[in-house]
Amino acid sequence: MMCQTADDVKKIVKEKNVSFIQYWFTDVLGTLKSFAITPSELEEGIEEGMGFDGSSIEGFCRIHESDMIAKPDPTTFQIVPWRGDDERPVARMFCDIINPDGTPYEGDPRYIFKRLLKQIAEKGYTFYVGPELEFFFFKDSNGTEILDKGGYFDARPVDLGGDLRRQIIFALQDMGIQVEYSHHEVAPSQHEIDLKYAEGLKMADITMTYRVTVK
């Protein structure tokens, strides 16, 4: 689902009967932050952004400088597949953080990365990233009891995470994220899903989406 403009987003929200649009961004530690708006707020929310209290975000600003704006990037619009409600789906967009005067907030990790990518481009290069992202499956959220005792490239019956990896891959593909391959890693219950390389900023957004999808 490719969007290029704010009008594209508004059209899809109406056609798909999207119930909420989540605004995603990260703090300086890379922790995903999010708040949701309803379609009735989208007209203003996508053109001008939505205000929030930046002093409550790790590493952002002091209480007397707390007014900040999350301005979404329409090219990052995607319907999230894990909500399980095709009739009233939920979507997300990544945001740039700006000051009330419209200037970029210098502590925004996305802005910092954009500045770095600009410096790379000025030298005639394009920065591509192809991460190998690994994670562990545990039997439940209450502890670290492993799900299997498989090793590197093991298959069934020792690899019990294959079905879970497949569900994750389907969700990633539903969001337009290209997966190269997946397999069991070296340690018990350790798994890897490798993504097709992409331009740096796009891959940063994909990586945050990957983390949420796996969890």
C-alpha atoms as a PDB file:
ATOM      1  CA  MET A   1       0.000   0.000   0.000  1.00  0.00           C
ATOM      2  CA  MET A   2       2.063   2.887  -1.329  1.00  0.00           C
ATOM      3  CA  CYS A   3       1.203   6.469  -0.419  1.00  0.00           C
ATOM      4  CA  GLN A   4       3.090   9.505  -1.630  1.00  0.00           C
ATOM      5  CA  THR A   5       0.960  12.425  -0.469  1.00  0.00           C
ATOM      6  CA  ALA A   6      -1.415  13.444   2.289  1.00  0.00           C
ATOM      7  CA  ASP A   7      -4.288  13.124  -0.185  1.00  0.00           C
ATOM      8  CA  ASP A   8      -3.324   9.487  -0.817  1.00  0.00           C
ATOM      9  CA  VAL A   9      -3.523   8.801   2.909  1.00  0.00           C
ATOM     10  CA  LYS A  10      -6.897  10.492   3.322  1.00  0.00           C
ATOM     11  CA  LYS A  11      -8.288   8.554   0.368  1.00  0.00           C
ATOM     12  CA  ILE A  12      -7.200   5.167   1.749  1.00  0.00           C
ATOM     13  CA  VAL A  13      -8.426   5.989   5.259  1.00  0.00           C
ATOM     14  CA  LYS A  14     -11.860   6.693   3.801  1.00  0.00           C
ATOM     15  CA  GLU A  15     -11.923   3.725   1.405  1.00  0.00           C
ATOM     16  CA  LYS A  16     -10.695   1.205   4.001  1.00  0.00           C
ATOM     17  CA  ASN A  17     -12.814   2.642   6.835  1.00  0.00           C
ATOM     18  CA  VAL A  18      -9.716   3.039   9.012  1.00  0.00           C
ATOM     19  CA  SER A  19     -10.736   3.599  12.625  1.00  0.00           C
ATOM     20  CA  PHE A  20      -7.491   4.939  14.111  1.00  0.00           C
ATOM     21  CA  ILE A  21      -4.217   6.288  12.752  1.00  0.00           C
ATOM     22  CA  GLN A  22      -1.230   5.763  15.019  1.00  0.00           C
ATOM     23  CA  TYR A  23       1.569   8.330  15.017  1.00  0.00           C
ATOM     24  CA  TRP A  24       4.913   6.593  15.631  1.00  0.00           C
ATOM     25  CA  PHE A  25       8.252   8.119  16.633  1.00  0.00           C
ATOM     26  CA  THR A  26      11.150   7.185  18.915  1.00  0.00           C
ATOM     27  CA  ASP A  27      12.853   8.751  21.896  1.00  0.00           C
ATOM     28  CA  VAL A  28      16.636   9.180  21.989  1.00  0.00           C
ATOM     29  CA  LEU A  29      17.043   5.625  23.314  1.00  0.00           C
ATOM     30  CA  GLY A  30      15.215   4.119  20.341  1.00  0.00           C
ATOM     31  CA  THR A  31      12.061   3.265  22.278  1.00  0.00           C
ATOM     32  CA  LEU A  32       8.966   3.444  20.111  1.00  0.00           C
ATOM     33  CA  LYS A  33       6.392   6.049  21.155  1.00  0.00           C
ATOM     34  CA  SER A  34       2.884   6.245  19.776  1.00  0.00           C
ATOM     35  CA  PHE A  35      -0.456   7.983  20.054  1.00  0.00           C
ATOM     36  CA  ALA A  36      -3.570   7.532  17.942  1.00  0.00           C
ATOM     37  CA  ILE A  37      -5.928   9.956  16.256  1.00  0.00           C
ATOM     38  CA  THR A  38      -9.330   9.368  14.688  1.00  0.00           C
ATOM     39  CA  PRO A  39     -10.084  10.032  11.007  1.00  0.00           C
ATOM     40  CA  SER A  40     -11.953  13.207  11.960  1.00  0.00           C
ATOM     41  CA  GLU A  41      -8.622  14.723  13.064  1.00  0.00           C
ATOM     42  CA  LEU A  42      -6.649  13.536  10.044  1.00  0.00           C
ATOM     43  CA  GLU A  43      -7.141  16.618   7.862  1.00  0.00           C
ATOM     44  CA  GLU A  44      -5.382  18.872  10.351  1.00  0.00           C
ATOM     45  CA  GLY A  45      -3.214  16.133  11.813  1.00  0.00           C
ATOM     46  CA  ILE A  46      -1.495  15.239   8.565  1.00  0.00           C
ATOM     47  CA  GLU A  47      -1.099  18.764   7.204  1.00  0.00           C
ATOM     48  CA  GLU A  48       0.025  20.514  10.384  1.00  0.00           C
ATOM     49  CA  GLY A  49       0.898  17.660  12.740  1.00  0.00           C
ATOM     50  CA  MET A  50      -0.377  16.975  16.245  1.00  0.00           C
ATOM     51  CA  GLY A  51       0.927  18.610  19.398  1.00  0.00           C
ATOM     52  CA  PHE A  52       2.174  16.709  22.451  1.00  0.00           C
ATOM     53  CA  ASP A  53       4.140  17.204  25.665  1.00  0.00           C
ATOM     54  CA  GLY A  54       7.780  16.668  24.712  1.00  0.00           C
ATOM     55  CA  SER A  55       9.017  16.957  28.297  1.00  0.00           C
ATOM     56  CA  SER A  56       7.542  13.517  29.019  1.00  0.00           C
ATOM     57  CA  ILE A  57       9.645  11.862  26.282  1.00  0.00           C
ATOM     58  CA  GLU A  58      13.065  10.524  27.279  1.00  0.00           C
ATOM     59  CA  GLY A  59      15.823  12.905  26.149  1.00  0.00           C
ATOM     60  CA  PHE A  60      13.587  15.452  24.429  1.00  0.00           C
ATOM     61  CA  CYS A  61      13.114  18.788  26.204  1.00  0.00           C
ATOM     62  CA  ARG A  62      12.561  20.561  29.517  1.00  0.00           C
ATOM     63  CA  ILE A  63       9.122  21.214  30.976  1.00  0.00           C
ATOM     64  CA  HIS A  64       9.098  24.913  30.017  1.00  0.00           C
ATOM     65  CA  GLU A  65       9.917  23.931  26.407  1.00  0.00           C
ATOM     66  CA  SER A  66       7.450  21.075  26.313  1.00  0.00           C
ATOM     67  CA  ASP A  67       5.267  21.987  23.321  1.00  0.00           C
ATOM     68  CA  MET A  68       6.250  19.811  20.373  1.00  0.00           C
ATOM     69  CA  ILE A  69       4.561  18.612  17.192  1.00  0.00           C
ATOM     70  CA  ALA A  70       4.554  15.166  15.583  1.00  0.00           C
ATOM     71  CA  LYS A  71       4.214  15.642  11.822  1.00  0.00           C
ATOM     72  CA  PRO A  72       3.570  12.383   9.963  1.00  0.00           C
ATOM     73  CA  ASP A  73       5.370  11.290   6.816  1.00  0.00           C
ATOM     74  CA  PRO A  74       2.586  10.163   4.438  1.00  0.00           C
ATOM     75  CA  THR A  75       4.963   7.840   2.555  1.00  0.00           C
ATOM     76  CA  THR A  76       5.157   5.654   5.691  1.00  0.00           C
ATOM     77  CA  PHE A  77       1.401   5.031   5.907  1.00  0.00           C
ATOM     78  CA  GLN A  78       0.501   1.364   6.358  1.00  0.00           C
ATOM     79  CA  ILE A  79      -2.421  -0.569   7.781  1.00  0.00           C
ATOM     80  CA  VAL A  80      -1.153  -2.773  10.615  1.00  0.00           C
ATOM     81  CA  PRO A  81      -2.149  -6.419  10.077  1.00  0.00           C
ATOM     82  CA  TRP A  82      -2.029  -7.665  13.665  1.00  0.00           C
ATOM     83  CA  ARG A  83      -5.149  -5.836  14.854  1.00  0.00           C
ATOM     84  CA  GLY A  84      -7.379  -8.568  13.399  1.00  0.00           C
ATOM     85  CA  ASP A  85     -10.248  -6.269  12.398  1.00  0.00           C
ATOM     86  CA  ASP A  86     -10.619  -6.003   8.633  1.00  0.00           C
ATOM     87  CA  GLU A  87     -13.809  -3.949   8.943  1.00  0.00           C
ATOM     88  CA  ARG A  88     -12.300  -1.226  11.169  1.00  0.00           C
ATOM     89  CA  PRO A  89      -8.535  -1.435  10.603  1.00  0.00           C
ATOM     90  CA  VAL A  90      -5.808   0.583  12.310  1.00  0.00           C
ATOM     91  CA  ALA A  91      -2.995   2.302  10.407  1.00  0.00           C
ATOM     92  CA  ARG A  92       0.309   3.890  11.331  1.00  0.00           C
ATOM     93  CA  MET A  93       2.653   6.606  10.083  1.00  0.00           C
ATOM     94  CA  PHE A  94       6.141   7.554  11.242  1.00  0.00           C
ATOM     95  CA  CYS A  95       6.564  11.150  12.323  1.00  0.00           C
ATOM     96  CA  ASP A  96       9.138  13.900  12.243  1.00  0.00           C
ATOM     97  CA  ILE A  97       9.247  15.939  15.441  1.00  0.00           C
ATOM     98  CA  ILE A  98       9.127  19.691  14.933  1.00  0.00           C
ATOM     99  CA  ASN A  99       9.068  22.777  17.120  1.00  0.00           C
ATOM    100  CA  PRO A 100       5.994  25.041  17.320  1.00  0.00           C
ATOM    101  CA  ASP A 101       7.679  27.455  14.870  1.00  0.00           C
ATOM    102  CA  GLY A 102       7.894  24.683  12.262  1.00  0.00           C
ATOM    103  CA  THR A 103      11.638  24.060  12.514  1.00  0.00           C
ATOM    104  CA  PRO A 104      12.921  20.498  13.005  1.00  0.00           C
ATOM    105  CA  TYR A 105      13.559  19.491  16.605  1.00  0.00           C
ATOM    106  CA  GLU A 106      17.315  18.859  16.782  1.00  0.00           C
ATOM    107  CA  GLY A 107      16.921  16.038  19.311  1.00  0.00           C
ATOM    108  CA  ASP A 108      14.643  13.994  17.060  1.00  0.00           C
ATOM    109  CA  PRO A 109      16.510  10.774  16.114  1.00  0.00           C
ATOM    110  CA  ARG A 110      14.794  10.734  12.726  1.00  0.00           C
ATOM    111  CA  TYR A 111      15.983  14.280  11.989  1.00  0.00           C
ATOM    112  CA  ILE A 112      19.524  13.458  13.122  1.00  0.00           C
ATOM    113  CA  PHE A 113      19.588  10.464  10.792  1.00  0.00           C
ATOM    114  CA  LYS A 114      18.237  12.562   7.907  1.00  0.00           C
ATOM    115  CA  ARG A 115      21.064  15.054   8.418  1.00  0.00           C
ATOM    116  CA  LEU A 116      23.595  12.225   8.297  1.00  0.00           C
ATOM    117  CA  LEU A 117      22.042  10.788   5.132  1.00  0.00           C
ATOM    118  CA  LYS A 118      22.181  14.236   3.528  1.00  0.00           C
ATOM    119  CA  GLN A 119      25.907  14.469   4.266  1.00  0.00           C
ATOM    120  CA  ILE A 120      26.412  11.036   2.713  1.00  0.00           C
ATOM    121  CA  ALA A 121      24.398  12.037  -0.371  1.00  0.00           C
ATOM    122  CA  GLU A 122      26.462  15.211  -0.774  1.00  0.00           C
ATOM    123  CA  LYS A 123      29.527  12.985  -1.135  1.00  0.00           C
ATOM    124  CA  GLY A 124      27.816  11.088  -3.942  1.00  0.00           C
ATOM    125  CA  TYR A 125      26.768   8.004  -2.001  1.00  0.00           C
ATOM    126  CA  THR A 126      23.480   6.312  -1.169  1.00  0.00           C
ATOM    127  CA  PHE A 127      23.341   4.566   2.197  1.00  0.00           C
ATOM    128  CA  TYR A 128      21.724   1.127   2.045  1.00  0.00           C
ATOM    129  CA  VAL A 129      21.188  -1.217   4.993  1.00  0.00           C
ATOM    130  CA  GLY A 130      20.455  -4.946   5.026  1.00  0.00           C
ATOM    131  CA  PRO A 131      20.123  -6.001   8.676  1.00  0.00           C
ATOM    132  CA  GLU A 132      20.117  -9.517  10.071  1.00  0.00           C
ATOM    133  CA  LEU A 133      17.694  -9.184  12.976  1.00  0.00           C
ATOM    134  CA  GLU A 134      17.582 -11.908  15.613  1.00  0.00           C
ATOM    135  CA  PHE A 135      15.322 -12.613  18.572  1.00  0.00           C
ATOM    136  CA  PHE A 136      14.299 -15.285  21.077  1.00  0.00           C
ATOM    137  CA  PHE A 137      10.964 -17.033  21.550  1.00  0.00           C
ATOM    138  CA  PHE A 138       9.932 -17.887  25.112  1.00  0.00           C
ATOM    139  CA  LYS A 139       6.967 -19.981  26.213  1.00  0.00           C
ATOM    140  CA  ASP A 140       5.218 -16.997  27.804  1.00  0.00           C
ATOM    141  CA  SER A 141       5.791 -13.419  28.930  1.00  0.00           C
ATOM    142  CA  ASN A 142       6.362 -14.377  32.558  1.00  0.00           C
ATOM    143  CA  GLY A 143       9.855 -15.794  32.191  1.00  0.00           C
ATOM    144  CA  THR A 144      12.624 -16.998  29.905  1.00  0.00           C
ATOM    145  CA  GLU A 145      11.730 -20.660  29.497  1.00  0.00           C
ATOM    146  CA  ILE A 146      12.836 -21.553  25.971  1.00  0.00           C
ATOM    147  CA  LEU A 147      10.465 -22.816  23.304  1.00  0.00           C
ATOM    148  CA  ASP A 148      12.861 -25.272  21.645  1.00  0.00           C
ATOM    149  CA  LYS A 149      16.394 -26.679  21.775  1.00  0.00           C
ATOM    150  CA  GLY A 150      17.246 -26.222  18.123  1.00  0.00           C
ATOM    151  CA  GLY A 151      20.572 -25.010  16.734  1.00  0.00           C
ATOM    152  CA  TYR A 152      21.829 -23.251  13.620  1.00  0.00           C
ATOM    153  CA  PHE A 153      19.654 -24.004  10.557  1.00  0.00           C
ATOM    154  CA  ASP A 154      17.884 -26.827  12.406  1.00  0.00           C
ATOM    155  CA  ALA A 155      14.505 -27.909  11.077  1.00  0.00           C
ATOM    156  CA  ARG A 156      11.608 -29.709  12.685  1.00  0.00           C
ATOM    157  CA  PRO A 157      11.154 -31.416  15.076  1.00  0.00           C
ATOM    158  CA  VAL A 158      13.776 -29.487  17.087  1.00  0.00           C
ATOM    159  CA  ASP A 159      12.820 -26.101  15.581  1.00  0.00           C
ATOM    160  CA  LEU A 160       9.412 -25.366  17.089  1.00  0.00           C
ATOM    161  CA  GLY A 161       9.430 -21.705  16.062  1.00  0.00           C
ATOM    162  CA  GLY A 162       8.860 -22.184  12.343  1.00  0.00           C
ATOM    163  CA  ASP A 163       5.135 -21.473  12.511  1.00  0.00           C
ATOM    164  CA  LEU A 164       5.714 -18.318  14.552  1.00  0.00           C
ATOM    165  CA  ARG A 165       8.363 -17.099  12.113  1.00  0.00           C
ATOM    166  CA  ARG A 166       5.937 -17.714   9.264  1.00  0.00           C
ATOM    167  CA  GLN A 167       3.217 -15.636  10.962  1.00  0.00           C
ATOM    168  CA  ILE A 168       5.690 -12.788  11.475  1.00  0.00           C
ATOM    169  CA  ILE A 169       6.790 -12.931   7.832  1.00  0.00           C
ATOM    170  CA  PHE A 170       3.191 -12.854   6.587  1.00  0.00           C
ATOM    171  CA  ALA A 171       2.532  -9.764   8.729  1.00  0.00           C
ATOM    172  CA  LEU A 172       5.687  -8.054   7.440  1.00  0.00           C
ATOM    173  CA  GLN A 173       4.752  -8.833   3.844  1.00  0.00           C
ATOM    174  CA  ASP A 174       1.251  -7.461   4.414  1.00  0.00           C
ATOM    175  CA  MET A 175       2.959  -4.163   5.243  1.00  0.00           C
ATOM    176  CA  GLY A 176       5.068  -4.207   2.093  1.00  0.00           C
ATOM    177  CA  ILE A 177       8.273  -5.303   3.839  1.00  0.00           C
ATOM    178  CA  GLN A 178      10.400  -7.644   1.738  1.00  0.00           C
ATOM    179  CA  VAL A 179      11.853 -10.663   3.555  1.00  0.00           C
ATOM    180  CA  GLU A 180      14.809 -12.587   2.123  1.00  0.00           C
ATOM    181  CA  TYR A 181      14.892 -15.684   4.336  1.00  0.00           C
ATOM    182  CA  SER A 182      14.426 -16.978   7.868  1.00  0.00           C
ATOM    183  CA  HIS A 183      15.934 -19.739   9.975  1.00  0.00           C
ATOM    184  CA  HIS A 184      16.723 -21.032  13.448  1.00  0.00           C
ATOM    185  CA  GLU A 185      19.856 -19.465  14.914  1.00  0.00           C
ATOM    186  CA  VAL A 186      22.689 -20.955  17.017  1.00  0.00           C
ATOM    187  CA  ALA A 187      21.204 -20.749  20.507  1.00  0.00           C
ATOM    188  CA  PRO A 188      18.125 -22.621  21.731  1.00  0.00           C
ATOM    189  CA  SER A 189      14.940 -20.715  20.841  1.00  0.00           C
ATOM    190  CA  GLN A 190      16.951 -18.095  18.890  1.00  0.00           C
ATOM    191  CA  HIS A 191      15.579 -17.092  15.481  1.00  0.00           C
ATOM    192  CA  GLU A 192      16.455 -14.827  12.578  1.00  0.00           C
ATOM    193  CA  ILE A 193      14.414 -13.154   9.841  1.00  0.00           C
ATOM    194  CA  ASP A 194      16.532 -11.309   7.280  1.00  0.00           C
ATOM    195  CA  LEU A 195      15.166  -8.355   5.351  1.00  0.00           C
ATOM    196  CA  LYS A 196      15.895  -7.203   1.813  1.00  0.00           C
ATOM    197  CA  TYR A 197      18.249  -4.232   1.882  1.00  0.00           C
ATOM    198  CA  ALA A 198      16.740  -0.758   1.558  1.00  0.00           C
ATOM    199  CA  GLU A 199      17.702   2.912   1.757  1.00  0.00           C
ATOM    200  CA  GLY A 200      18.763   3.957   5.249  1.00  0.00           C
ATOM    201  CA  LEU A 201      15.745   5.937   6.464  1.00  0.00           C
ATOM    202  CA  LYS A 202      13.296   3.440   5.017  1.00  0.00           C
ATOM    203  CA  MET A 203      15.140   0.590   6.724  1.00  0.00           C
ATOM    204  CA  ALA A 204      15.128   2.459  10.042  1.00  0.00           C
ATOM    205  CA  ASP A 205      11.326   2.656   9.818  1.00  0.00           C
ATOM    206  CA  ILE A 206      11.146  -0.994   8.751  1.00  0.00           C
ATOM    207  CA  THR A 207      13.307  -2.071  11.685  1.00  0.00           C
ATOM    208  CA  MET A 208      11.021  -0.378  14.204  1.00  0.00           C
ATOM    209  CA  THR A 209       8.030  -2.014  12.500  1.00  0.00           C
ATOM    210  CA  TYR A 210       9.818  -5.378  12.612  1.00  0.00           C
ATOM    211  CA  ARG A 211      10.360  -5.055  16.372  1.00  0.00           C
ATOM    212  CA  VAL A 212       6.683  -4.344  17.008  1.00  0.00           C
ATOM    213  CA  THR A 213       5.594  -7.171  14.701  1.00  0.00           C
ATOM    214  CA  VAL A 214       7.816  -9.754  16.402  1.00  0.00           C
ATOM    215  CA  LYS A 215       6.685  -8.728  19.879  1.00  0.00           C
END
